[in-house]
Amino acid sequence: MTRTKTFAALALALAVPALGVPALVAAQATAAPSAVPAGTYQVESHHTLAEFTVSHFGFNDFFG
């Protein structure tokens, strides 16, 4: 019985934060650019990724 309770508590602890994440992402994604406060922002190299895609004669995409 103790193992079942431990598993249930672990499952609940992992599920609760995941429930709030989609709402947080949606709130950030729908913000108007004019609503972002002006200021100096610093890029975090561990959390930043710049990507690009170029169409190669309409046959496939070159990306990097």
C-alpha atoms as a PDB file:
ATOM      1  CA  MET A   1       0.000   0.000   0.000  1.00  0.00           C
ATOM      2  CA  THR A   2       2.858   2.389   0.755  1.00  0.00           C
ATOM      3  CA  ARG A   3       4.335   1.904  -2.711  1.00  0.00           C
ATOM      4  CA  THR A   4       0.964   2.790  -4.296  1.00  0.00           C
ATOM      5  CA  LYS A   5       0.687   5.978  -2.244  1.00  0.00           C
ATOM      6  CA  THR A   6       4.251   6.955  -3.105  1.00  0.00           C
ATOM      7  CA  PHE A   7       3.620   6.394  -6.810  1.00  0.00           C
ATOM      8  CA  ALA A   8       0.370   8.384  -6.664  1.00  0.00           C
ATOM      9  CA  ALA A   9       2.091  11.280  -4.893  1.00  0.00           C
ATOM     10  CA  LEU A  10       4.919  11.277  -7.438  1.00  0.00           C
ATOM     11  CA  ALA A  11       2.486  11.194 -10.370  1.00  0.00           C
ATOM     12  CA  LEU A  12       0.512  14.083  -8.896  1.00  0.00           C
ATOM     13  CA  ALA A  13       3.655  16.113  -8.230  1.00  0.00           C
ATOM     14  CA  LEU A  14       4.745  15.675 -11.844  1.00  0.00           C
ATOM     15  CA  ALA A  15       1.308  16.341 -13.348  1.00  0.00           C
ATOM     16  CA  VAL A  16       0.401  19.553 -11.524  1.00  0.00           C
ATOM     17  CA  PRO A  17       3.148  21.782 -13.004  1.00  0.00           C
ATOM     18  CA  ALA A  18       2.421  20.459 -16.495  1.00  0.00           C
ATOM     19  CA  LEU A  19      -1.186  21.631 -16.247  1.00  0.00           C
ATOM     20  CA  GLY A  20      -0.185  25.277 -15.870  1.00  0.00           C
ATOM     21  CA  VAL A  21       2.466  25.342 -18.610  1.00  0.00           C
ATOM     22  CA  PRO A  22       0.152  25.538 -21.684  1.00  0.00           C
ATOM     23  CA  ALA A  23      -1.697  28.503 -20.194  1.00  0.00           C
ATOM     24  CA  LEU A  24       1.582  30.269 -19.464  1.00  0.00           C
ATOM     25  CA  VAL A  25       2.896  29.640 -22.975  1.00  0.00           C
ATOM     26  CA  ALA A  26      -0.361  30.812 -24.541  1.00  0.00           C
ATOM     27  CA  ALA A  27      -0.295  33.986 -22.453  1.00  0.00           C
ATOM     28  CA  GLN A  28       3.240  34.759 -23.607  1.00  0.00           C
ATOM     29  CA  ALA A  29       2.556  33.888 -27.241  1.00  0.00           C
ATOM     30  CA  THR A  30      -0.522  36.110 -27.551  1.00  0.00           C
ATOM     31  CA  ALA A  31       1.060  39.230 -26.043  1.00  0.00           C
ATOM     32  CA  ALA A  32       1.107  42.175 -28.425  1.00  0.00           C
ATOM     33  CA  PRO A  33       4.603  43.463 -29.235  1.00  0.00           C
ATOM     34  CA  SER A  34       3.540  46.903 -28.024  1.00  0.00           C
ATOM     35  CA  ALA A  35       2.811  45.386 -24.594  1.00  0.00           C
ATOM     36  CA  VAL A  36       6.458  44.373 -24.069  1.00  0.00           C
ATOM     37  CA  PRO A  37       8.183  46.875 -21.791  1.00  0.00           C
ATOM     38  CA  ALA A  38      11.041  48.856 -23.303  1.00  0.00           C
ATOM     39  CA  GLY A  39      14.473  48.209 -21.882  1.00  0.00           C
ATOM     40  CA  THR A  40      17.782  46.498 -22.333  1.00  0.00           C
ATOM     41  CA  TYR A  41      17.550  42.740 -22.515  1.00  0.00           C
ATOM     42  CA  GLN A  42      20.398  40.258 -22.112  1.00  0.00           C
ATOM     43  CA  VAL A  43      20.572  37.080 -24.202  1.00  0.00           C
ATOM     44  CA  GLU A  44      21.106  33.863 -22.261  1.00  0.00           C
ATOM     45  CA  SER A  45      23.352  31.638 -24.347  1.00  0.00           C
ATOM     46  CA  HIS A  46      21.996  28.449 -22.747  1.00  0.00           C
ATOM     47  CA  HIS A  47      18.384  29.336 -23.595  1.00  0.00           C
ATOM     48  CA  THR A  48      18.767  30.963 -27.010  1.00  0.00           C
ATOM     49  CA  LEU A  49      18.726  29.422 -30.464  1.00  0.00           C
ATOM     50  CA  ALA A  50      18.795  31.299 -33.765  1.00  0.00           C
ATOM     51  CA  GLU A  51      17.472  29.301 -36.692  1.00  0.00           C
ATOM     52  CA  PHE A  52      17.005  30.017 -40.386  1.00  0.00           C
ATOM     53  CA  THR A  53      15.517  28.265 -43.407  1.00  0.00           C
ATOM     54  CA  VAL A  54      16.168  29.024 -47.077  1.00  0.00           C
ATOM     55  CA  SER A  55      14.237  27.467 -49.941  1.00  0.00           C
ATOM     56  CA  HIS A  56      16.609  25.714 -52.333  1.00  0.00           C
ATOM     57  CA  PHE A  57      14.983  26.182 -55.753  1.00  0.00           C
ATOM     58  CA  GLY A  58      11.646  25.045 -54.306  1.00  0.00           C
ATOM     59  CA  PHE A  59      12.827  21.451 -53.957  1.00  0.00           C
ATOM     60  CA  ASN A  60      13.953  21.363 -50.343  1.00  0.00           C
ATOM     61  CA  ASP A  61      14.886  23.670 -47.492  1.00  0.00           C
ATOM     62  CA  PHE A  62      18.399  24.464 -46.371  1.00  0.00           C
ATOM     63  CA  PHE A  63      18.448  25.151 -42.671  1.00  0.00           C
ATOM     64  CA  GLY A  64      20.908  26.042 -40.017  1.00  0.00           C
END
